[in-house]
Structures are given as C-alpha cells and as structure tokens.
Amino acid sequence: MKLNIVNTARQWLTVAGVATAATAASFGLVSAFSGQGENGAATTPAADSVRIDAGIPVGQQAALADGVVTLQEYEAAVQRTLACATAAGVKVEPTPGAGLRPTSFGFASASREELAASHKRVDACREAHLNGIEMALAHQPVAADVIDQSRQLLAQCVSSRLAVGSFDANSVVRAVEGSLASPSRSGADWDMLRAWDTCRSSVEEATGFRP
C-alpha cells in the first residue's frame, strides 16, 4: 500500500495524500508524508506534553513569532519531525529538498498493523514539530509575480518534455484536466500527467511555489 504525497497550490506545503496503490510484498508497505523533525527531538511526544495554552506546541512558536514562515524555518521543522519519527522506530525514507523545494519523506512498513502504528507515530511527531508551521505557511500569501513566473516555467517545461508544440499556462491546465478526466487514459494522457508532475517539482525548486 502506498499513500502518495499531494502537493497543494501553495509554496513549500505538502500534505499526506489519500490515493493508494498496491506494491509488491517484498517492498512492504510505504506511506508518504511531508516533513521531518525538530533539532534534537528524540521520542514520539504525547500530545499533552508539547502543547501550551495557546494550542501551539512550544517548539513551533519561534518560527511563528514574526508572522512569516521562511523556507529555512519550514525545513528545520521538517527535519525535527523526521528525527522524531526515526527515534520512535518509524522506517523513514526521506527525499532531500532541492533549491526552494523542501525535504519530504515517506515510511515503509512490513504489514498493515505496522503501517497503522507508524501513522500514529508520524502524526504525533507532526503535531509536535510541524503542523502549526505548515498551517501558517498554507495561509501565507504568495506574490503575484512568483505565481506568474511559476505558470510560465511550467508551460515551458511541459512543452519541452512532450515536444509536441508550445503550451501556454492555461492550455497546460486544460490538457492535464482532460487527461485526468479521461475514463480510459491513452499513452498521450499518461505522458502529459508524468510531464506535469515532473515539471511541477522542477518549478517548485526554482520558485518555491508548486503550481
């Protein structure tokens, strides 16, 4: 079973997805999440032990104090979450960040029972080290010129990878929507979706925004 990362139309923010797919038994069960852990977090914390009156765990307050979450602050929170999950016995599989794209990670489990236990441990670590920062980032405005640049770069990248003419930003979106809606996807549909996914990651590395 594999839970795929779903990236929102928001810079740096990824959240756990709900799509599932069977994998070979020899590879066990894999679940993907954004995030890693805080510097020095050694164990999976109990929710009551990390919360304060304001409802935000103490370890996240410094990043939130000035009202702006930077990439560096978000990446540090991801690393703390990863360290926490690792210390709790979760078999984490990080994907290092690149450029303005932060680190993400998945985890492998040998059984459904282990997968459920790992989910709970990762959720506790995210609650302690990441969720408040991630939520603040989700509501942080993105400059209009960054959005425009990301759309242009996405169209250029998709056009280059497919080598089937030039796409503008709107036509890329329409083409992807058509491929997603297709009841029986053709090879061209899958080529479009693969190009879209790959190009979104490269645009995020360049601009910090995932279109």
N, C-alpha and C. Protein backbone atom coordinates (compact mmCIF):
# COMPACT_ATOMS: atom_id res chain seq x y z
N MET A 1 0.85 -1.19 0.00
CA MET A 1 0.00 0.00 0.00
C MET A 1 0.89 1.23 0.00
N LYS A 2 0.50 2.22 -0.74
CA LYS A 2 1.30 3.43 -0.79
C LYS A 2 0.39 4.65 -0.76
N LEU A 3 0.65 5.55 0.18
CA LEU A 3 -0.08 6.80 0.24
C LEU A 3 0.78 7.86 -0.42
N ASN A 4 0.29 8.49 -1.46
CA ASN A 4 1.10 9.42 -2.23
C ASN A 4 1.04 10.83 -1.67
N ILE A 5 2.16 11.54 -1.79
CA ILE A 5 2.18 12.94 -1.40
C ILE A 5 1.31 13.74 -2.36
N VAL A 6 0.48 14.61 -1.82
CA VAL A 6 -0.31 15.53 -2.61
C VAL A 6 0.20 16.93 -2.32
N ASN A 7 0.67 17.62 -3.31
CA ASN A 7 1.19 18.96 -3.12
C ASN A 7 0.11 19.98 -3.45
N THR A 8 -0.15 20.88 -2.54
CA THR A 8 -1.17 21.89 -2.77
C THR A 8 -0.60 23.03 -3.60
N ALA A 9 -1.48 23.87 -4.11
CA ALA A 9 -1.04 25.05 -4.86
C ALA A 9 -0.59 26.10 -3.85
N ARG A 10 0.49 25.81 -3.18
CA ARG A 10 0.99 26.67 -2.12
C ARG A 10 2.48 26.42 -2.02
N GLN A 11 3.26 27.46 -1.87
CA GLN A 11 4.71 27.28 -1.81
C GLN A 11 5.09 26.42 -0.61
N TRP A 12 5.97 25.44 -0.88
CA TRP A 12 6.59 24.56 0.09
C TRP A 12 5.65 23.62 0.81
N LEU A 13 4.33 23.75 0.67
CA LEU A 13 3.44 22.95 1.50
C LEU A 13 3.08 21.64 0.84
N THR A 14 3.31 20.53 1.53
CA THR A 14 2.82 19.23 1.07
C THR A 14 2.08 18.59 2.22
N VAL A 15 1.04 17.87 1.93
CA VAL A 15 0.29 17.18 2.96
C VAL A 15 0.09 15.74 2.57
N ALA A 16 -0.24 14.90 3.52
CA ALA A 16 -0.42 13.48 3.24
C ALA A 16 -1.60 13.30 2.31
N GLY A 17 -1.42 12.44 1.30
CA GLY A 17 -2.49 12.19 0.35
C GLY A 17 -3.31 10.98 0.74
N VAL A 18 -4.32 10.69 -0.07
CA VAL A 18 -5.19 9.56 0.24
C VAL A 18 -5.23 8.52 -0.86
N ALA A 19 -4.55 8.77 -1.98
CA ALA A 19 -4.54 7.78 -3.05
C ALA A 19 -3.74 6.56 -2.61
N THR A 20 -4.18 5.37 -2.95
CA THR A 20 -3.48 4.15 -2.56
C THR A 20 -3.22 3.28 -3.76
N ALA A 21 -2.14 2.51 -3.68
CA ALA A 21 -1.82 1.57 -4.76
C ALA A 21 -1.08 0.39 -4.15
N ALA A 22 -1.35 -0.79 -4.65
CA ALA A 22 -0.70 -1.99 -4.13
C ALA A 22 0.75 -2.03 -4.59
N THR A 23 1.62 -2.51 -3.72
CA THR A 23 3.02 -2.69 -4.07
C THR A 23 3.40 -4.15 -3.83
N ALA A 24 4.51 -4.57 -4.38
CA ALA A 24 4.94 -5.96 -4.20
C ALA A 24 5.21 -6.21 -2.72
N ALA A 25 4.88 -7.40 -2.27
CA ALA A 25 5.02 -7.72 -0.85
C ALA A 25 6.45 -7.58 -0.38
N SER A 26 7.40 -7.85 -1.27
CA SER A 26 8.80 -7.78 -0.88
C SER A 26 9.23 -6.37 -0.52
N PHE A 27 8.48 -5.38 -0.99
CA PHE A 27 8.82 -4.00 -0.68
C PHE A 27 8.06 -3.51 0.54
N GLY A 28 7.19 -4.32 1.12
CA GLY A 28 6.44 -3.91 2.29
C GLY A 28 5.42 -2.85 1.95
N LEU A 29 4.99 -2.12 2.97
CA LEU A 29 4.02 -1.05 2.81
C LEU A 29 4.74 0.27 2.96
N VAL A 30 4.39 1.22 2.10
CA VAL A 30 5.06 2.52 2.12
C VAL A 30 4.02 3.61 2.21
N SER A 31 4.24 4.59 3.07
CA SER A 31 3.34 5.72 3.19
C SER A 31 4.13 6.99 3.11
N ALA A 32 3.63 7.99 2.35
CA ALA A 32 4.40 9.22 2.12
C ALA A 32 3.80 10.40 2.85
N PHE A 33 4.67 11.21 3.43
CA PHE A 33 4.28 12.41 4.15
C PHE A 33 5.26 13.51 3.85
N SER A 34 4.83 14.75 4.05
CA SER A 34 5.79 15.83 4.09
C SER A 34 6.38 15.87 5.47
N GLY A 35 7.52 16.50 5.61
CA GLY A 35 8.01 16.83 6.92
C GLY A 35 9.15 15.97 7.39
N GLN A 36 9.82 16.49 8.37
CA GLN A 36 10.80 15.80 9.15
C GLN A 36 10.76 16.46 10.52
N GLY A 37 11.77 16.28 11.34
CA GLY A 37 11.61 16.69 12.70
C GLY A 37 12.49 17.79 13.21
N GLU A 38 12.28 18.19 14.44
CA GLU A 38 12.99 19.29 15.05
C GLU A 38 14.35 18.85 15.56
N ASN A 39 15.29 19.81 15.67
CA ASN A 39 16.63 19.50 16.16
C ASN A 39 16.55 18.91 17.55
N GLY A 40 17.01 17.66 17.67
CA GLY A 40 17.12 17.06 18.97
C GLY A 40 15.90 16.37 19.50
N ALA A 41 14.79 16.32 18.76
CA ALA A 41 13.62 15.61 19.26
C ALA A 41 13.90 14.12 19.22
N ALA A 42 13.88 13.46 20.39
CA ALA A 42 14.34 12.08 20.44
C ALA A 42 13.23 11.05 20.47
N THR A 43 12.04 11.41 20.92
CA THR A 43 10.99 10.41 21.04
C THR A 43 9.68 10.96 20.51
N THR A 44 8.74 10.04 20.26
CA THR A 44 7.41 10.48 19.87
C THR A 44 6.74 11.11 21.08
N PRO A 45 6.34 12.40 21.01
CA PRO A 45 5.81 13.07 22.19
C PRO A 45 4.32 12.79 22.36
N ALA A 46 3.88 12.77 23.60
CA ALA A 46 2.44 12.75 23.87
C ALA A 46 1.90 14.13 23.61
N ALA A 47 0.68 14.20 23.03
CA ALA A 47 0.14 15.50 22.65
C ALA A 47 0.07 16.47 23.81
N ASP A 48 -0.34 15.99 25.00
CA ASP A 48 -0.50 16.88 26.14
C ASP A 48 0.82 17.46 26.61
N SER A 49 1.92 16.77 26.35
CA SER A 49 3.21 17.20 26.88
C SER A 49 3.84 18.30 26.04
N VAL A 50 3.36 18.52 24.80
CA VAL A 50 4.00 19.50 23.94
C VAL A 50 3.13 20.73 23.70
N ARG A 51 1.89 20.70 24.20
CA ARG A 51 1.01 21.82 23.95
C ARG A 51 1.09 22.86 25.06
N ILE A 52 0.79 24.09 24.70
CA ILE A 52 0.72 25.17 25.67
C ILE A 52 -0.67 25.77 25.57
N ASP A 53 -0.95 26.76 26.40
CA ASP A 53 -2.29 27.33 26.46
C ASP A 53 -2.80 27.82 25.11
N ALA A 54 -1.91 28.38 24.30
CA ALA A 54 -2.31 28.92 23.01
C ALA A 54 -2.65 27.82 22.01
N GLY A 55 -2.34 26.58 22.32
CA GLY A 55 -2.66 25.48 21.43
C GLY A 55 -1.57 25.15 20.43
N ILE A 56 -0.47 25.90 20.44
CA ILE A 56 0.65 25.63 19.53
C ILE A 56 1.80 25.07 20.35
N PRO A 57 2.36 23.91 19.97
CA PRO A 57 3.49 23.36 20.71
C PRO A 57 4.63 24.37 20.83
N VAL A 58 5.29 24.36 21.97
CA VAL A 58 6.34 25.34 22.26
C VAL A 58 7.42 25.36 21.18
N GLY A 59 7.80 24.18 20.69
CA GLY A 59 8.88 24.10 19.72
C GLY A 59 8.61 24.79 18.40
N GLN A 60 7.34 25.09 18.11
CA GLN A 60 6.99 25.74 16.84
C GLN A 60 6.82 27.26 16.97
N GLN A 61 6.80 27.75 18.19
CA GLN A 61 6.44 29.15 18.38
C GLN A 61 7.48 30.13 17.84
N ALA A 62 8.76 29.78 17.91
CA ALA A 62 9.79 30.71 17.43
C ALA A 62 9.61 31.00 15.94
N ALA A 63 9.30 29.96 15.16
CA ALA A 63 9.11 30.13 13.72
C ALA A 63 7.87 30.97 13.41
N LEU A 64 6.90 30.95 14.33
CA LEU A 64 5.63 31.64 14.09
C LEU A 64 5.61 33.05 14.68
N ALA A 65 6.62 33.38 15.48
CA ALA A 65 6.57 34.62 16.27
C ALA A 65 6.48 35.88 15.42
N ASP A 66 7.18 35.91 14.29
CA ASP A 66 7.17 37.14 13.47
C ASP A 66 6.10 37.14 12.40
N GLY A 67 5.29 36.09 12.34
CA GLY A 67 4.19 36.04 11.39
C GLY A 67 4.58 35.61 9.99
N VAL A 68 5.85 35.27 9.77
CA VAL A 68 6.33 34.85 8.45
C VAL A 68 7.12 33.56 8.60
N VAL A 69 6.74 32.53 7.85
CA VAL A 69 7.47 31.26 7.86
C VAL A 69 8.39 31.23 6.65
N THR A 70 9.69 31.12 6.90
CA THR A 70 10.66 31.05 5.81
C THR A 70 10.90 29.59 5.41
N LEU A 71 11.54 29.41 4.25
CA LEU A 71 11.89 28.07 3.81
C LEU A 71 12.80 27.41 4.84
N GLN A 72 13.74 28.17 5.39
CA GLN A 72 14.68 27.62 6.37
C GLN A 72 13.94 27.15 7.62
N GLU A 73 12.96 27.93 8.06
CA GLU A 73 12.18 27.54 9.25
C GLU A 73 11.34 26.30 8.97
N TYR A 74 10.76 26.27 7.78
CA TYR A 74 9.95 25.10 7.43
C TYR A 74 10.82 23.85 7.32
N GLU A 75 11.98 23.98 6.66
CA GLU A 75 12.88 22.83 6.51
C GLU A 75 13.36 22.33 7.86
N ALA A 76 13.65 23.27 8.79
CA ALA A 76 14.07 22.85 10.13
C ALA A 76 12.97 22.08 10.83
N ALA A 77 11.72 22.51 10.66
CA ALA A 77 10.60 21.80 11.27
C ALA A 77 10.44 20.41 10.65
N VAL A 78 10.65 20.31 9.35
CA VAL A 78 10.60 19.02 8.67
C VAL A 78 11.68 18.09 9.23
N GLN A 79 12.88 18.62 9.41
CA GLN A 79 13.98 17.81 9.92
C GLN A 79 13.72 17.35 11.35
N ARG A 80 13.10 18.20 12.16
CA ARG A 80 12.78 17.81 13.53
C ARG A 80 11.72 16.70 13.54
N THR A 81 10.77 16.79 12.63
CA THR A 81 9.73 15.76 12.53
C THR A 81 10.35 14.43 12.11
N LEU A 82 11.27 14.48 11.17
CA LEU A 82 11.94 13.26 10.71
C LEU A 82 12.75 12.62 11.83
N ALA A 83 13.49 13.45 12.59
CA ALA A 83 14.28 12.91 13.70
C ALA A 83 13.37 12.28 14.75
N CYS A 84 12.25 12.92 15.02
CA CYS A 84 11.28 12.40 15.98
C CYS A 84 10.73 11.05 15.51
N ALA A 85 10.33 10.96 14.25
CA ALA A 85 9.75 9.72 13.72
C ALA A 85 10.79 8.60 13.72
N THR A 86 12.01 8.92 13.37
CA THR A 86 13.08 7.92 13.35
C THR A 86 13.32 7.38 14.76
N ALA A 87 13.38 8.29 15.73
CA ALA A 87 13.60 7.88 17.12
C ALA A 87 12.45 7.03 17.65
N ALA A 88 11.26 7.23 17.09
CA ALA A 88 10.08 6.47 17.51
C ALA A 88 10.00 5.11 16.83
N GLY A 89 10.98 4.80 15.98
CA GLY A 89 11.01 3.49 15.35
C GLY A 89 10.40 3.40 13.98
N VAL A 90 10.05 4.56 13.40
CA VAL A 90 9.48 4.57 12.05
C VAL A 90 10.61 4.46 11.02
N LYS A 91 10.42 3.62 10.01
CA LYS A 91 11.44 3.45 8.96
C LYS A 91 11.22 4.53 7.90
N VAL A 92 11.76 5.70 8.15
CA VAL A 92 11.53 6.84 7.28
C VAL A 92 12.40 6.76 6.03
N GLU A 93 11.87 7.30 4.93
CA GLU A 93 12.57 7.32 3.64
C GLU A 93 12.52 8.75 3.10
N PRO A 94 13.50 9.58 3.47
CA PRO A 94 13.44 11.00 3.08
C PRO A 94 13.81 11.22 1.62
N THR A 95 13.20 12.23 1.05
CA THR A 95 13.57 12.74 -0.27
C THR A 95 14.11 14.14 -0.05
N PRO A 96 15.43 14.33 -0.18
CA PRO A 96 16.02 15.63 0.14
C PRO A 96 15.43 16.75 -0.70
N GLY A 97 15.33 17.92 -0.12
CA GLY A 97 14.87 19.09 -0.85
C GLY A 97 15.92 19.54 -1.85
N ALA A 98 15.49 20.40 -2.77
CA ALA A 98 16.39 20.95 -3.78
C ALA A 98 15.94 22.36 -4.11
N GLY A 99 16.88 23.28 -4.19
CA GLY A 99 16.52 24.65 -4.49
C GLY A 99 15.57 25.19 -3.44
N LEU A 100 14.39 25.64 -3.88
CA LEU A 100 13.37 26.16 -2.97
C LEU A 100 12.31 25.11 -2.62
N ARG A 101 12.57 23.87 -2.97
CA ARG A 101 11.65 22.77 -2.63
C ARG A 101 12.16 22.10 -1.36
N PRO A 102 11.30 21.95 -0.34
CA PRO A 102 11.75 21.37 0.93
C PRO A 102 11.83 19.86 0.88
N THR A 103 12.44 19.30 1.91
CA THR A 103 12.53 17.86 2.06
C THR A 103 11.14 17.28 2.34
N SER A 104 10.90 16.09 1.81
CA SER A 104 9.69 15.34 2.14
C SER A 104 10.14 13.93 2.53
N PHE A 105 9.22 13.15 3.07
CA PHE A 105 9.61 11.77 3.38
C PHE A 105 8.41 10.85 3.37
N GLY A 106 8.72 9.57 3.15
CA GLY A 106 7.74 8.52 3.27
C GLY A 106 8.21 7.56 4.35
N PHE A 107 7.46 6.51 4.59
CA PHE A 107 7.94 5.49 5.51
C PHE A 107 7.46 4.13 5.05
N ALA A 108 8.28 3.13 5.34
CA ALA A 108 7.99 1.76 4.91
C ALA A 108 7.54 0.93 6.09
N SER A 109 6.58 0.05 5.86
CA SER A 109 6.07 -0.85 6.90
C SER A 109 5.89 -2.23 6.30
N ALA A 110 6.15 -3.25 7.11
CA ALA A 110 6.08 -4.63 6.62
C ALA A 110 4.68 -5.20 6.65
N SER A 111 3.77 -4.54 7.37
CA SER A 111 2.41 -5.06 7.50
C SER A 111 1.44 -3.91 7.67
N ARG A 112 0.16 -4.21 7.54
CA ARG A 112 -0.86 -3.18 7.74
C ARG A 112 -0.87 -2.69 9.19
N GLU A 113 -0.62 -3.62 10.12
CA GLU A 113 -0.60 -3.24 11.53
C GLU A 113 0.55 -2.27 11.80
N GLU A 114 1.73 -2.59 11.24
CA GLU A 114 2.88 -1.71 11.42
C GLU A 114 2.64 -0.37 10.74
N LEU A 115 1.96 -0.39 9.59
CA LEU A 115 1.65 0.85 8.89
C LEU A 115 0.77 1.75 9.75
N ALA A 116 -0.25 1.16 10.39
CA ALA A 116 -1.15 1.94 11.24
C ALA A 116 -0.40 2.51 12.43
N ALA A 117 0.49 1.72 13.02
CA ALA A 117 1.27 2.21 14.16
C ALA A 117 2.22 3.33 13.73
N SER A 118 2.82 3.18 12.56
CA SER A 118 3.72 4.22 12.06
C SER A 118 2.97 5.51 11.78
N HIS A 119 1.76 5.39 11.24
CA HIS A 119 0.92 6.56 11.01
C HIS A 119 0.73 7.35 12.30
N LYS A 120 0.40 6.65 13.37
CA LYS A 120 0.15 7.31 14.64
C LYS A 120 1.40 8.01 15.15
N ARG A 121 2.54 7.37 15.00
CA ARG A 121 3.79 7.97 15.48
C ARG A 121 4.17 9.20 14.66
N VAL A 122 4.00 9.09 13.34
CA VAL A 122 4.31 10.24 12.49
C VAL A 122 3.34 11.38 12.77
N ASP A 123 2.06 11.06 12.96
CA ASP A 123 1.08 12.10 13.28
C ASP A 123 1.45 12.83 14.56
N ALA A 124 1.91 12.09 15.58
CA ALA A 124 2.31 12.71 16.83
C ALA A 124 3.52 13.62 16.64
N CYS A 125 4.47 13.17 15.82
CA CYS A 125 5.66 13.98 15.56
C CYS A 125 5.31 15.23 14.75
N ARG A 126 4.42 15.09 13.77
CA ARG A 126 3.99 16.26 13.00
C ARG A 126 3.27 17.26 13.91
N GLU A 127 2.43 16.75 14.79
CA GLU A 127 1.70 17.63 15.71
C GLU A 127 2.67 18.41 16.59
N ALA A 128 3.72 17.75 17.04
CA ALA A 128 4.68 18.40 17.93
C ALA A 128 5.58 19.38 17.20
N HIS A 129 5.94 19.10 15.96
CA HIS A 129 7.01 19.85 15.33
C HIS A 129 6.66 20.57 14.03
N LEU A 130 5.56 20.20 13.38
CA LEU A 130 5.36 20.69 12.01
C LEU A 130 4.00 21.31 11.72
N ASN A 131 2.93 20.76 12.25
CA ASN A 131 1.60 21.14 11.77
C ASN A 131 1.29 22.63 11.87
N GLY A 132 1.64 23.25 13.00
CA GLY A 132 1.36 24.67 13.16
C GLY A 132 2.10 25.51 12.15
N ILE A 133 3.37 25.16 11.91
CA ILE A 133 4.19 25.89 10.93
C ILE A 133 3.65 25.67 9.52
N GLU A 134 3.25 24.44 9.23
CA GLU A 134 2.73 24.13 7.91
C GLU A 134 1.41 24.86 7.65
N MET A 135 0.56 24.94 8.66
CA MET A 135 -0.71 25.64 8.51
C MET A 135 -0.49 27.14 8.29
N ALA A 136 0.45 27.72 9.04
CA ALA A 136 0.75 29.14 8.85
C ALA A 136 1.27 29.40 7.44
N LEU A 137 2.10 28.49 6.95
CA LEU A 137 2.64 28.64 5.61
C LEU A 137 1.55 28.54 4.56
N ALA A 138 0.58 27.66 4.82
CA ALA A 138 -0.52 27.48 3.87
C ALA A 138 -1.32 28.77 3.68
N HIS A 139 -1.37 29.60 4.71
CA HIS A 139 -2.14 30.84 4.65
C HIS A 139 -1.27 32.06 4.36
N GLN A 140 0.00 31.81 4.11
CA GLN A 140 0.93 32.90 3.80
C GLN A 140 0.79 33.27 2.33
N PRO A 141 0.56 34.55 2.02
CA PRO A 141 0.33 34.91 0.62
C PRO A 141 1.57 34.71 -0.25
N VAL A 142 1.32 34.37 -1.50
CA VAL A 142 2.39 34.22 -2.49
C VAL A 142 2.32 35.42 -3.43
N ALA A 143 3.46 36.02 -3.70
CA ALA A 143 3.50 37.20 -4.57
C ALA A 143 2.98 36.85 -5.96
N ALA A 144 2.22 37.77 -6.55
CA ALA A 144 1.62 37.54 -7.87
C ALA A 144 2.68 37.25 -8.92
N ASP A 145 3.83 37.92 -8.84
CA ASP A 145 4.86 37.69 -9.86
C ASP A 145 5.46 36.29 -9.74
N VAL A 146 5.50 35.74 -8.51
CA VAL A 146 6.00 34.38 -8.33
C VAL A 146 5.03 33.38 -8.96
N ILE A 147 3.75 33.60 -8.75
CA ILE A 147 2.73 32.72 -9.34
C ILE A 147 2.81 32.78 -10.86
N ASP A 148 2.93 33.98 -11.41
CA ASP A 148 3.00 34.14 -12.86
C ASP A 148 4.25 33.47 -13.42
N GLN A 149 5.38 33.67 -12.73
CA GLN A 149 6.62 33.04 -13.19
C GLN A 149 6.51 31.52 -13.16
N SER A 150 5.92 31.00 -12.11
CA SER A 150 5.80 29.54 -11.99
C SER A 150 4.93 28.96 -13.10
N ARG A 151 3.86 29.66 -13.44
CA ARG A 151 2.98 29.19 -14.52
C ARG A 151 3.70 29.19 -15.86
N GLN A 152 4.48 30.24 -16.12
CA GLN A 152 5.23 30.30 -17.37
C GLN A 152 6.28 29.21 -17.44
N LEU A 153 7.00 29.00 -16.34
CA LEU A 153 8.03 27.96 -16.32
C LEU A 153 7.41 26.57 -16.49
N LEU A 154 6.25 26.37 -15.90
CA LEU A 154 5.57 25.09 -16.04
C LEU A 154 5.18 24.82 -17.49
N ALA A 155 4.63 25.83 -18.15
CA ALA A 155 4.24 25.67 -19.54
C ALA A 155 5.45 25.38 -20.42
N GLN A 156 6.56 26.09 -20.17
CA GLN A 156 7.77 25.86 -20.95
C GLN A 156 8.31 24.45 -20.73
N CYS A 157 8.30 24.01 -19.49
CA CYS A 157 8.84 22.69 -19.17
C CYS A 157 8.00 21.58 -19.81
N VAL A 158 6.68 21.68 -19.68
CA VAL A 158 5.80 20.66 -20.27
C VAL A 158 5.96 20.63 -21.78
N SER A 159 6.01 21.80 -22.40
CA SER A 159 6.19 21.87 -23.84
C SER A 159 7.49 21.19 -24.27
N SER A 160 8.56 21.44 -23.49
CA SER A 160 9.86 20.87 -23.82
C SER A 160 9.87 19.35 -23.65
N ARG A 161 9.27 18.85 -22.59
CA ARG A 161 9.29 17.41 -22.33
C ARG A 161 8.44 16.63 -23.32
N LEU A 162 7.33 17.20 -23.75
CA LEU A 162 6.43 16.49 -24.66
C LEU A 162 6.81 16.66 -26.12
N ALA A 163 7.51 17.76 -26.40
CA ALA A 163 7.96 18.04 -27.77
C ALA A 163 6.81 17.93 -28.78
N VAL A 164 5.68 18.51 -28.41
CA VAL A 164 4.51 18.46 -29.30
C VAL A 164 3.96 19.86 -29.56
N GLY A 165 4.83 20.84 -29.58
CA GLY A 165 4.38 22.21 -29.77
C GLY A 165 4.46 23.00 -28.49
N SER A 166 4.02 24.23 -28.57
CA SER A 166 4.15 25.14 -27.44
C SER A 166 2.83 25.23 -26.67
N PHE A 167 2.92 25.07 -25.33
CA PHE A 167 1.78 25.24 -24.45
C PHE A 167 1.90 26.58 -23.72
N ASP A 168 0.77 27.28 -23.56
CA ASP A 168 0.78 28.37 -22.60
C ASP A 168 0.23 27.82 -21.29
N ALA A 169 0.25 28.64 -20.23
CA ALA A 169 -0.12 28.14 -18.91
C ALA A 169 -1.55 27.61 -18.88
N ASN A 170 -2.46 28.31 -19.50
CA ASN A 170 -3.87 27.89 -19.47
C ASN A 170 -4.09 26.59 -20.23
N SER A 171 -3.41 26.44 -21.37
CA SER A 171 -3.61 25.22 -22.15
C SER A 171 -3.00 24.01 -21.45
N VAL A 172 -1.93 24.21 -20.68
CA VAL A 172 -1.37 23.11 -19.90
C VAL A 172 -2.39 22.61 -18.89
N VAL A 173 -3.02 23.55 -18.18
CA VAL A 173 -4.02 23.17 -17.19
C VAL A 173 -5.18 22.43 -17.85
N ARG A 174 -5.65 22.93 -18.98
CA ARG A 174 -6.75 22.27 -19.67
C ARG A 174 -6.35 20.87 -20.12
N ALA A 175 -5.13 20.72 -20.62
CA ALA A 175 -4.67 19.42 -21.10
C ALA A 175 -4.58 18.42 -19.95
N VAL A 176 -4.06 18.88 -18.80
CA VAL A 176 -3.95 17.99 -17.65
C VAL A 176 -5.33 17.61 -17.13
N GLU A 177 -6.23 18.58 -17.07
CA GLU A 177 -7.60 18.28 -16.63
C GLU A 177 -8.26 17.26 -17.56
N GLY A 178 -8.00 17.39 -18.86
CA GLY A 178 -8.55 16.43 -19.81
C GLY A 178 -7.99 15.04 -19.60
N SER A 179 -6.68 14.96 -19.33
CA SER A 179 -6.05 13.66 -19.09
C SER A 179 -6.57 13.02 -17.82
N LEU A 180 -6.76 13.83 -16.77
CA LEU A 180 -7.27 13.31 -15.51
C LEU A 180 -8.71 12.82 -15.65
N ALA A 181 -9.49 13.52 -16.47
CA ALA A 181 -10.92 13.19 -16.61
C ALA A 181 -11.15 12.03 -17.56
N SER A 182 -10.14 11.67 -18.33
CA SER A 182 -10.32 10.62 -19.33
C SER A 182 -10.65 9.28 -18.67
N PRO A 183 -11.76 8.62 -19.05
CA PRO A 183 -12.13 7.34 -18.43
C PRO A 183 -11.16 6.22 -18.78
N SER A 184 -10.53 6.30 -19.94
CA SER A 184 -9.53 5.30 -20.33
C SER A 184 -8.34 6.05 -20.89
N ARG A 185 -7.36 6.27 -20.05
CA ARG A 185 -6.23 7.12 -20.41
C ARG A 185 -5.35 6.46 -21.46
N SER A 186 -5.00 7.26 -22.45
CA SER A 186 -4.11 6.80 -23.52
C SER A 186 -2.67 7.02 -23.10
N GLY A 187 -1.76 6.55 -23.96
CA GLY A 187 -0.35 6.80 -23.70
C GLY A 187 -0.04 8.28 -23.65
N ALA A 188 -0.72 9.06 -24.50
CA ALA A 188 -0.51 10.51 -24.51
C ALA A 188 -0.99 11.15 -23.21
N ASP A 189 -2.09 10.62 -22.66
CA ASP A 189 -2.59 11.12 -21.37
C ASP A 189 -1.56 10.90 -20.27
N TRP A 190 -1.01 9.68 -20.23
CA TRP A 190 -0.03 9.38 -19.20
C TRP A 190 1.24 10.19 -19.41
N ASP A 191 1.65 10.41 -20.64
CA ASP A 191 2.82 11.26 -20.91
C ASP A 191 2.58 12.67 -20.38
N MET A 192 1.38 13.20 -20.58
CA MET A 192 1.05 14.53 -20.10
C MET A 192 1.11 14.59 -18.58
N LEU A 193 0.52 13.60 -17.91
CA LEU A 193 0.49 13.60 -16.45
C LEU A 193 1.89 13.45 -15.86
N ARG A 194 2.72 12.62 -16.48
CA ARG A 194 4.09 12.46 -15.99
C ARG A 194 4.88 13.76 -16.18
N ALA A 195 4.71 14.39 -17.34
CA ALA A 195 5.40 15.65 -17.59
C ALA A 195 4.94 16.72 -16.61
N TRP A 196 3.64 16.78 -16.36
CA TRP A 196 3.06 17.74 -15.42
C TRP A 196 3.67 17.56 -14.02
N ASP A 197 3.72 16.32 -13.54
CA ASP A 197 4.23 16.07 -12.20
C ASP A 197 5.71 16.41 -12.10
N THR A 198 6.50 15.97 -13.08
CA THR A 198 7.94 16.25 -13.06
C THR A 198 8.20 17.75 -13.14
N CYS A 199 7.48 18.43 -14.01
CA CYS A 199 7.70 19.86 -14.20
C CYS A 199 7.27 20.68 -12.99
N ARG A 200 6.22 20.24 -12.31
CA ARG A 200 5.81 20.95 -11.10
C ARG A 200 6.91 20.92 -10.05
N SER A 201 7.59 19.79 -9.93
CA SER A 201 8.69 19.69 -8.96
C SER A 201 9.84 20.60 -9.35
N SER A 202 10.18 20.65 -10.64
CA SER A 202 11.30 21.49 -11.06
C SER A 202 10.96 22.97 -10.91
N VAL A 203 9.69 23.33 -11.14
CA VAL A 203 9.27 24.73 -10.96
C VAL A 203 9.32 25.10 -9.48
N GLU A 204 8.92 24.17 -8.63
CA GLU A 204 8.98 24.44 -7.19
C GLU A 204 10.41 24.66 -6.73
N GLU A 205 11.35 23.90 -7.28
CA GLU A 205 12.75 24.10 -6.94
C GLU A 205 13.22 25.50 -7.31
N ALA A 206 12.71 26.03 -8.43
CA ALA A 206 13.17 27.31 -8.94
C ALA A 206 12.47 28.50 -8.28
N THR A 207 11.20 28.33 -7.92
CA THR A 207 10.42 29.49 -7.46
C THR A 207 9.92 29.38 -6.01
N GLY A 208 9.95 28.19 -5.44
CA GLY A 208 9.39 28.00 -4.11
C GLY A 208 7.89 27.84 -4.11
N PHE A 209 7.29 27.77 -5.28
CA PHE A 209 5.84 27.66 -5.41
C PHE A 209 5.53 26.49 -6.32
N ARG A 210 4.62 25.63 -5.89
CA ARG A 210 4.25 24.46 -6.69
C ARG A 210 2.94 24.76 -7.40
N PRO A 211 2.97 24.99 -8.72
CA PRO A 211 1.75 25.39 -9.44
C PRO A 211 0.77 24.22 -9.58
